């Protein structure tokens, strides 16, 4: 199994994770059992039930893949330059998105939900920054909480990263490799589960606000850390993950079936639900998330670890696409929800518009000169020059 040079399957996993995110976000307004930024008057219980499956593991996969990408960045330069690069690649687009790109998102929401009739410019200048933080006010990082969490995780974990590469810690990293090659690999989900259960009495709600989200920040940090470790020890453990891909997929299928029977289908929340996160329910969805991560990694490493022009083209655009996608979704919903059409038709229109407009934004963003490229998370070099300069490095953020 290839472990040196560019790991193309990591790019494929990253693209898949963000595609799943966009497919999911485009559907949430049509759920009858969830309040979101905008809510359709016509809803689809079937769509909600289908999306309960990716909801259980989509964020875990995102943080896992981001952890892998962080290792490749750290491997290239583990000193101060690493932190500087992470700051430019994460903090700069975070602030730009909060101050510019997210503004239309909140404007559309206020018009749809509250009847606001002012212009975007008026809302931006007079209300967005001055009325406090969302949801009582308007200023928010919205979906960019994910980027903020990545930045904080990277800074907090930096001393651990340094420790891991210290030759004196080889005894510990060797022990990790031995455990990861055994059946104990499937028990790794117990770490985020234990941290979440211990911290939930202190931080009872998932808020995505960082300062009061300790129980779930610990969970996301674990998936992030697992990704970093798998990438760091790729040569030693990827063979095991590939060999057990069918076992991982079988476990994921079994857990999914149990969750649909005892929680997700027909309102039969015997073991708990997303609205009632019992310890048993958390055990089930964390185990499912880890099984899906292992299955996806195993199959991708075996079948998708090859050069692809399409893969490279998409991978360069994933971060700008993520930055803009939710604003496009809210704009699409604002104009599509009032239409006379079925839920399925509206959902497909929202999804198609989100993908199309977001990709146009990404293509235009790639044409920006430096330092404007940094505002949307793109590196200094344009795509062609970067491909020649870093052909052995996966593109990451």
Protein backbone atom coordinates (compact mmCIF):
# COMPACT_ATOMS: atom_id res chain seq x y z
CA UNK A 1 0.00 0.00 0.00
CA UNK A 2 1.39 3.33 -1.07
CA UNK A 3 2.43 5.53 1.81
CA UNK A 4 5.05 7.85 0.34
CA UNK A 5 4.37 10.80 -1.88
CA UNK A 6 0.90 12.03 -2.68
CA UNK A 7 -1.95 10.03 -1.19
CA UNK A 8 -4.64 10.72 -3.75
CA UNK A 9 -7.28 8.85 -1.80
CA UNK A 10 -7.07 11.43 1.00
CA UNK A 11 -8.08 14.05 -1.55
CA UNK A 12 -10.96 11.81 -2.61
CA UNK A 13 -12.10 11.37 1.00
CA UNK A 14 -11.93 15.10 1.55
CA UNK A 15 -14.02 15.84 -1.53
CA UNK A 16 -16.55 13.16 -0.59
CA UNK A 17 -16.87 14.52 2.95
CA UNK A 18 -17.69 18.02 1.70
CA UNK A 19 -20.06 16.75 -0.99
CA UNK A 20 -21.99 14.88 1.70
CA UNK A 21 -22.03 18.05 3.80
CA UNK A 22 -23.56 20.08 0.96
CA UNK A 23 -26.11 17.39 0.14
CA UNK A 24 -27.10 17.34 3.81
CA UNK A 25 -27.22 21.12 4.34
CA UNK A 26 -29.36 21.54 1.22
CA UNK A 27 -31.98 19.22 2.73
CA UNK A 28 -32.33 20.48 6.31
CA UNK A 29 -34.95 23.16 5.55
CA UNK A 30 -37.33 20.35 4.52
CA UNK A 31 -37.09 18.35 7.76
CA UNK A 32 -40.32 18.29 9.81
CA UNK A 33 -38.44 17.49 13.03
CA UNK A 34 -35.69 20.13 12.96
CA UNK A 35 -35.66 23.92 13.10
CA UNK A 36 -33.00 25.45 10.86
CA UNK A 37 -32.09 28.87 9.49
CA UNK A 38 -35.05 28.67 7.10
CA UNK A 39 -37.86 26.15 7.25
CA UNK A 40 -40.11 25.05 4.43
CA UNK A 41 -43.85 24.99 5.00
CA UNK A 42 -43.90 21.68 3.12
CA UNK A 43 -41.63 19.07 4.65
CA UNK A 44 -40.56 15.50 3.96
CA UNK A 45 -40.39 12.92 6.78
CA UNK A 46 -38.73 10.52 4.32
CA UNK A 47 -35.94 12.98 3.51
CA UNK A 48 -35.41 13.58 7.22
CA UNK A 49 -35.17 9.85 7.93
CA UNK A 50 -32.71 9.27 5.08
CA UNK A 51 -30.46 12.10 6.25
CA UNK A 52 -30.33 10.79 9.82
CA UNK A 53 -27.74 8.32 8.53
CA UNK A 54 -25.09 10.79 7.27
CA UNK A 55 -25.89 13.12 10.16
CA UNK A 56 -24.37 10.53 12.50
CA UNK A 57 -20.92 10.55 10.89
CA UNK A 58 -20.50 13.40 8.38
CA UNK A 59 -18.77 15.77 10.84
CA UNK A 60 -16.62 12.99 12.27
CA UNK A 61 -15.37 12.22 8.77
CA UNK A 62 -14.71 15.91 8.11
CA UNK A 63 -12.59 16.31 11.23
CA UNK A 64 -10.81 13.00 10.57
CA UNK A 65 -9.83 14.02 7.03
CA UNK A 66 -8.79 17.47 8.29
CA UNK A 67 -6.55 15.77 10.85
CA UNK A 68 -4.90 13.79 8.05
CA UNK A 69 -4.34 16.98 6.09
CA UNK A 70 -2.87 18.66 9.15
CA UNK A 71 -0.25 15.92 9.40
CA UNK A 72 0.85 16.53 5.80
CA UNK A 73 1.17 20.25 6.53
CA UNK A 74 3.04 19.54 9.78
CA UNK A 75 5.33 17.04 8.08
CA UNK A 76 6.38 19.69 5.56
CA UNK A 77 7.29 22.18 8.27
CA UNK A 78 6.86 21.45 11.97
CA UNK A 79 8.23 24.77 13.23
CA UNK A 80 6.73 28.24 13.61
CA UNK A 81 6.05 28.36 9.88
CA UNK A 82 3.47 25.62 10.37
CA UNK A 83 1.47 27.74 12.81
CA UNK A 84 1.84 30.80 10.60
CA UNK A 85 0.54 28.84 7.61
CA UNK A 86 -2.42 27.51 9.61
CA UNK A 87 -3.23 31.04 10.75
CA UNK A 88 -3.27 32.37 7.19
CA UNK A 89 -5.19 29.39 5.81
CA UNK A 90 -7.82 29.29 8.58
CA UNK A 91 -8.09 32.54 10.55
CA UNK A 92 -8.01 34.94 7.59
CA UNK A 93 -10.88 33.25 5.68
CA UNK A 94 -12.78 32.82 8.96
CA UNK A 95 -12.77 36.58 9.62
CA UNK A 96 -13.50 37.43 5.98
CA UNK A 97 -16.44 35.02 5.91
CA UNK A 98 -17.85 36.37 9.18
CA UNK A 99 -17.62 39.98 7.98
CA UNK A 100 -18.58 39.55 4.31
CA UNK A 101 -19.71 36.17 2.97
CA UNK A 102 -22.06 35.25 5.82
CA UNK A 103 -23.80 38.65 5.80
CA UNK A 104 -26.19 37.79 2.89
CA UNK A 105 -26.98 34.50 4.62
CA UNK A 106 -28.30 36.24 7.72
CA UNK A 107 -29.99 38.93 5.58
CA UNK A 108 -31.98 36.30 3.67
CA UNK A 109 -32.88 34.59 6.93
CA UNK A 110 -34.14 37.82 8.49
CA UNK A 111 -36.22 38.62 5.41
CA UNK A 112 -37.76 35.14 5.25
CA UNK A 113 -38.34 34.53 8.95
CA UNK A 114 -38.80 38.06 10.36
CA UNK A 115 -40.12 40.04 7.40
CA UNK A 116 -37.15 42.42 7.22
CA UNK A 117 -37.45 44.55 4.07
CA UNK A 118 -34.23 46.59 4.06
CA UNK A 119 -31.51 46.24 1.45
CA UNK A 120 -28.44 44.08 1.90
CA UNK A 121 -26.21 47.16 2.19
CA UNK A 122 -28.48 48.70 4.83
CA UNK A 123 -28.56 45.45 6.78
CA UNK A 124 -24.78 45.05 6.52
CA UNK A 125 -23.94 48.60 7.60
CA UNK A 126 -26.72 49.31 10.11
CA UNK A 127 -27.63 45.98 11.69
CA UNK A 128 -25.21 43.12 11.12
CA UNK A 129 -22.39 44.29 13.40
CA UNK A 130 -24.36 46.42 15.85
CA UNK A 131 -27.18 44.23 17.19
CA UNK A 132 -25.13 41.61 19.01
CA UNK A 133 -24.31 38.01 18.30
CA UNK A 134 -26.61 35.54 16.60
CA UNK A 135 -29.36 34.35 17.14
CA UNK A 136 -30.62 37.33 19.19
CA UNK A 137 -28.43 39.56 17.03
CA UNK A 138 -26.94 38.98 13.59
CA UNK A 139 -23.14 38.67 13.85
CA UNK A 140 -22.16 35.02 13.54
CA UNK A 141 -19.60 32.57 12.20
CA UNK A 142 -22.46 30.28 11.08
CA UNK A 143 -21.06 27.18 9.34
CA UNK A 144 -17.52 28.56 9.72
CA UNK A 145 -17.54 27.27 13.30
CA UNK A 146 -15.87 24.21 11.77
CA UNK A 147 -12.91 26.31 10.62
CA UNK A 148 -12.68 28.08 13.98
CA UNK A 149 -12.61 24.73 15.77
CA UNK A 150 -9.88 23.45 13.43
CA UNK A 151 -7.74 26.48 14.16
CA UNK A 152 -8.12 26.14 17.93
CA UNK A 153 -7.47 22.39 17.77
CA UNK A 154 -4.32 22.94 15.75
CA UNK A 155 -2.93 25.45 18.23
CA UNK A 156 -3.86 23.37 21.29
CA UNK A 157 -2.50 20.17 19.77
CA UNK A 158 0.73 21.66 18.44
CA UNK A 159 2.77 20.65 21.53
CA UNK A 160 1.38 17.12 21.19
CA UNK A 161 2.33 17.06 17.51
CA UNK A 162 5.86 18.05 18.46
CA UNK A 163 5.97 15.36 21.12
CA UNK A 164 4.81 12.66 18.70
CA UNK A 165 7.71 13.26 16.30
CA UNK A 166 10.29 13.31 19.12
CA UNK A 167 12.50 10.18 18.79
CA UNK A 168 12.24 9.75 22.56
CA UNK A 169 8.53 9.00 22.14
CA UNK A 170 9.09 6.15 19.71
CA UNK A 171 8.10 3.66 22.40
CA UNK A 172 4.67 5.29 22.63
CA UNK A 173 4.12 5.62 18.90
CA UNK A 174 5.17 1.99 18.43
CA UNK A 175 2.57 1.00 20.99
CA UNK A 176 -0.07 2.98 19.09
CA UNK A 177 0.83 1.19 15.87
CA UNK A 178 0.55 -2.21 17.57
CA UNK A 179 -2.88 -1.37 19.01
CA UNK A 180 -4.08 0.07 15.70
CA UNK A 181 -3.14 -3.16 13.92
CA UNK A 182 -5.21 -5.21 16.37
CA UNK A 183 -8.96 -5.60 16.89
CA UNK A 184 -8.70 -2.86 19.51
CA UNK A 185 -8.76 -0.41 16.60
CA UNK A 186 -12.55 -0.71 16.64
CA UNK A 187 -12.68 0.53 20.23
CA UNK A 188 -11.09 3.90 19.51
CA UNK A 189 -14.54 5.51 19.47
CA UNK A 190 -14.70 4.95 23.24
CA UNK A 191 -12.31 7.87 23.79
CA UNK A 192 -14.56 10.59 22.29
CA UNK A 193 -17.55 8.87 23.88
CA UNK A 194 -15.99 8.88 27.35
CA UNK A 195 -14.87 12.51 27.08
CA UNK A 196 -18.32 13.56 25.89
CA UNK A 197 -20.12 11.74 28.70
CA UNK A 198 -17.79 13.15 31.35
CA UNK A 199 -18.08 16.71 30.05
CA UNK A 200 -21.82 16.73 29.27
CA UNK A 201 -22.87 17.65 32.85
CA UNK A 202 -20.67 20.77 32.50
CA UNK A 203 -21.51 21.49 28.85
CA UNK A 204 -24.98 19.98 28.36
CA UNK A 205 -25.73 21.34 24.86
CA UNK A 206 -24.01 21.20 21.51
CA UNK A 207 -23.69 24.88 20.59
CA UNK A 208 -20.88 25.22 18.00
CA UNK A 209 -19.91 28.35 19.94
CA UNK A 210 -16.59 26.98 21.29
CA UNK A 211 -16.62 28.69 24.71
CA UNK A 212 -19.58 26.62 26.00
CA UNK A 213 -19.24 23.54 23.78
CA UNK A 214 -16.60 21.56 25.66
CA UNK A 215 -18.31 18.18 25.46
CA UNK A 216 -18.55 18.24 21.67
CA UNK A 217 -15.29 20.08 21.09
CA UNK A 218 -13.61 17.10 22.79
CA UNK A 219 -15.39 14.74 20.39
CA UNK A 220 -14.36 16.65 17.28
CA UNK A 221 -10.81 16.95 18.60
CA UNK A 222 -10.63 13.17 18.97
CA UNK A 223 -11.70 12.53 15.37
CA UNK A 224 -9.21 15.20 14.28
CA UNK A 225 -6.47 13.56 16.34
CA UNK A 226 -7.27 10.10 14.98
CA UNK A 227 -6.89 11.45 11.45
CA UNK A 228 -3.54 13.01 12.32
CA UNK A 229 -2.30 9.73 13.84
CA UNK A 230 -3.49 7.57 10.95
CA UNK A 231 -1.69 9.85 8.49
CA UNK A 232 1.42 10.00 10.73
CA UNK A 233 1.58 6.18 10.95
CA UNK A 234 0.12 5.52 7.52
CA UNK A 235 2.76 3.04 6.40
CA UNK A 236 2.28 0.92 9.54
CA UNK A 237 -1.51 0.75 9.78
CA UNK A 238 -3.17 1.46 6.43
CA UNK A 239 -2.79 -2.16 5.39
CA UNK A 240 -4.84 -3.23 8.41
CA UNK A 241 -7.54 -0.68 7.65
CA UNK A 242 -7.74 -1.86 4.03
CA UNK A 243 -7.78 -5.55 4.98
CA UNK A 244 -10.68 -4.96 7.39
CA UNK A 245 -12.70 -2.68 5.13
CA UNK A 246 -15.50 -5.21 4.70
CA UNK A 247 -15.66 -5.85 8.43
CA UNK A 248 -15.86 -2.10 9.02
CA UNK A 249 -18.60 -1.75 6.41
CA UNK A 250 -20.50 -4.67 7.94
CA UNK A 251 -20.33 -3.12 11.40
CA UNK A 252 -21.53 0.21 9.97
CA UNK A 253 -24.43 -1.54 8.22
CA UNK A 254 -25.42 -3.41 11.39
CA UNK A 255 -25.30 -0.26 13.53
CA UNK A 256 -27.30 1.65 10.91
CA UNK A 257 -30.00 -1.03 10.87
CA UNK A 258 -30.21 -1.02 14.67
CA UNK A 259 -30.46 2.77 14.76
CA UNK A 260 -33.26 2.81 12.21
CA UNK A 261 -35.18 0.14 14.11
CA UNK A 262 -34.72 1.57 17.60
CA UNK A 263 -34.45 5.30 16.95
CA UNK A 264 -34.66 6.82 13.50
CA UNK A 265 -37.73 5.24 11.89
CA UNK A 266 -41.31 6.12 12.69
CA UNK A 267 -40.58 8.12 15.84
CA UNK A 268 -39.56 4.95 17.69
CA UNK A 269 -36.77 6.46 19.81
CA UNK A 270 -36.32 3.48 22.12
CA UNK A 271 -32.61 4.10 22.72
CA UNK A 272 -32.68 7.88 22.32
CA UNK A 273 -32.50 10.29 19.41
CA UNK A 274 -30.75 13.41 18.15
CA UNK A 275 -33.09 15.39 20.41
CA UNK A 276 -32.57 13.02 23.35
CA UNK A 277 -28.90 12.09 23.40
CA UNK A 278 -28.87 9.22 25.88
CA UNK A 279 -25.55 7.50 26.66
CA UNK A 280 -26.73 4.44 24.72
CA UNK A 281 -27.64 6.55 21.70
CA UNK A 282 -24.28 8.32 21.78
CA UNK A 283 -22.54 4.95 21.99
CA UNK A 284 -24.37 3.80 18.86
CA UNK A 285 -23.72 6.90 16.74
CA UNK A 286 -20.07 7.23 17.82
CA UNK A 287 -19.48 3.57 16.99
CA UNK A 288 -21.21 4.09 13.63
CA UNK A 289 -19.11 7.18 12.92
CA UNK A 290 -15.86 5.31 13.58
CA UNK A 291 -16.94 2.27 11.56
CA UNK A 292 -17.87 4.53 8.62
CA UNK A 293 -14.52 6.35 8.85
CA UNK A 294 -12.61 3.05 8.80
CA UNK A 295 -14.72 1.64 5.96
CA UNK A 296 -14.42 4.80 3.86
CA UNK A 297 -10.67 5.01 4.47
CA UNK A 298 -10.15 1.34 3.63
CA UNK A 299 -12.10 1.37 0.39
CA UNK A 300 -10.71 4.74 -0.70
CA UNK A 301 -7.10 3.71 -0.02
CA UNK A 302 -7.58 0.56 -2.09
CA UNK A 303 -9.57 1.93 -5.03
CA UNK A 304 -9.01 5.69 -5.23
CA UNK A 305 -5.28 6.11 -4.61
CA UNK A 306 -4.51 7.15 -8.16
CA UNK A 307 -3.90 10.41 -9.97
CA UNK A 308 -6.97 12.08 -11.43
CA UNK A 309 -7.25 15.43 -13.17
CA UNK A 310 -10.87 15.76 -12.05
CA UNK A 311 -9.92 14.94 -8.47
CA UNK A 312 -7.14 17.53 -8.51
CA UNK A 313 -9.47 20.17 -10.01
CA UNK A 314 -12.15 19.58 -7.39
CA UNK A 315 -9.72 19.36 -4.51
CA UNK A 316 -8.37 22.85 -5.21
CA UNK A 317 -11.87 24.25 -4.92
CA UNK A 318 -13.18 22.48 -1.82
CA UNK A 319 -12.28 25.11 0.78
CA UNK A 320 -13.71 28.13 -1.10
CA UNK A 321 -16.75 25.99 -1.90
CA UNK A 322 -17.24 25.23 1.77
CA UNK A 323 -16.88 28.91 2.70
CA UNK A 324 -19.63 30.06 0.32
CA UNK A 325 -21.98 27.06 0.12
CA UNK A 326 -24.32 27.87 3.01
CA UNK A 327 -24.86 31.44 1.88
CA UNK A 328 -25.81 30.09 -1.55
CA UNK A 329 -28.18 27.57 0.07
CA UNK A 330 -29.99 30.32 2.01
CA UNK A 331 -30.28 32.48 -1.09
CA UNK A 332 -31.64 29.54 -3.11
CA UNK A 333 -34.13 28.66 -0.37
CA UNK A 334 -35.39 32.24 -0.19
CA UNK A 335 -36.42 32.22 -3.85
CA UNK A 336 -37.38 28.55 -4.23
CA UNK A 337 -39.46 27.88 -1.11
CA UNK A 338 -42.37 30.13 -2.19
CA UNK A 339 -42.64 28.28 -5.54
CA UNK A 340 -45.48 25.89 -6.29
CA UNK A 341 -43.54 22.64 -6.53
CA UNK A 342 -43.02 19.37 -4.69
CA UNK A 343 -40.54 19.05 -1.86
CA UNK A 344 -38.42 16.77 -4.03
CA UNK A 345 -38.33 19.32 -6.86
CA UNK A 346 -37.48 22.17 -4.49
CA UNK A 347 -34.73 20.16 -2.84
CA UNK A 348 -33.16 19.25 -6.17
CA UNK A 349 -33.29 22.88 -7.32
CA UNK A 350 -31.64 24.06 -4.09
CA UNK A 351 -28.94 21.42 -4.39
CA UNK A 352 -28.27 22.11 -8.07
CA UNK A 353 -28.08 25.87 -7.55
CA UNK A 354 -25.81 25.45 -4.53
CA UNK A 355 -23.34 23.26 -6.39
CA UNK A 356 -23.42 25.36 -9.57
CA UNK A 357 -23.13 28.82 -8.01
CA UNK A 358 -20.55 27.65 -5.45
CA UNK A 359 -18.36 26.17 -8.19
CA UNK A 360 -18.58 29.41 -10.20
CA UNK A 361 -17.46 31.29 -7.07
CA UNK A 362 -14.52 28.88 -6.69
CA UNK A 363 -13.41 29.25 -10.31
CA UNK A 364 -13.47 33.03 -9.98
CA UNK A 365 -11.69 32.88 -6.61
CA UNK A 366 -8.80 30.97 -8.17
CA UNK A 367 -8.21 33.92 -10.48
CA UNK A 368 -7.64 36.32 -7.61
CA UNK A 369 -4.13 37.70 -7.06
CA UNK A 370 -2.30 37.32 -3.76
CA UNK A 371 -3.08 38.35 -1.03
CA UNK A 372 -6.78 38.36 -1.98
CA UNK A 373 -6.57 34.58 -2.48
CA UNK A 374 -5.99 34.20 1.26
CA UNK A 375 -9.46 35.60 1.96
CA UNK A 376 -11.03 32.41 0.61
CA UNK A 377 -8.40 30.01 1.92
CA UNK A 378 -6.36 29.59 -1.26
CA UNK A 379 -2.54 29.39 -1.18
CA UNK A 380 -0.29 32.08 -2.61
CA UNK A 381 0.67 30.23 -5.78
CA UNK A 382 -1.96 29.74 -8.50
CA UNK A 383 -3.03 26.20 -9.25
CA UNK A 384 -0.60 25.41 -12.06
CA UNK A 385 2.51 26.63 -10.27
CA UNK A 386 1.49 24.95 -7.04
CA UNK A 387 0.93 21.61 -8.75
CA UNK A 388 4.49 21.72 -10.10
CA UNK A 389 6.00 22.87 -6.80
CA UNK A 390 4.18 20.48 -4.48
CA UNK A 391 3.33 17.47 -6.57
CA UNK A 392 3.92 15.11 -3.64
CA UNK A 393 1.69 17.00 -1.21
CA UNK A 394 -2.08 16.62 -0.87
CA UNK A 395 -3.91 19.94 -0.97
CA UNK A 396 -5.38 20.50 2.48
CA UNK A 397 -6.67 22.99 5.00
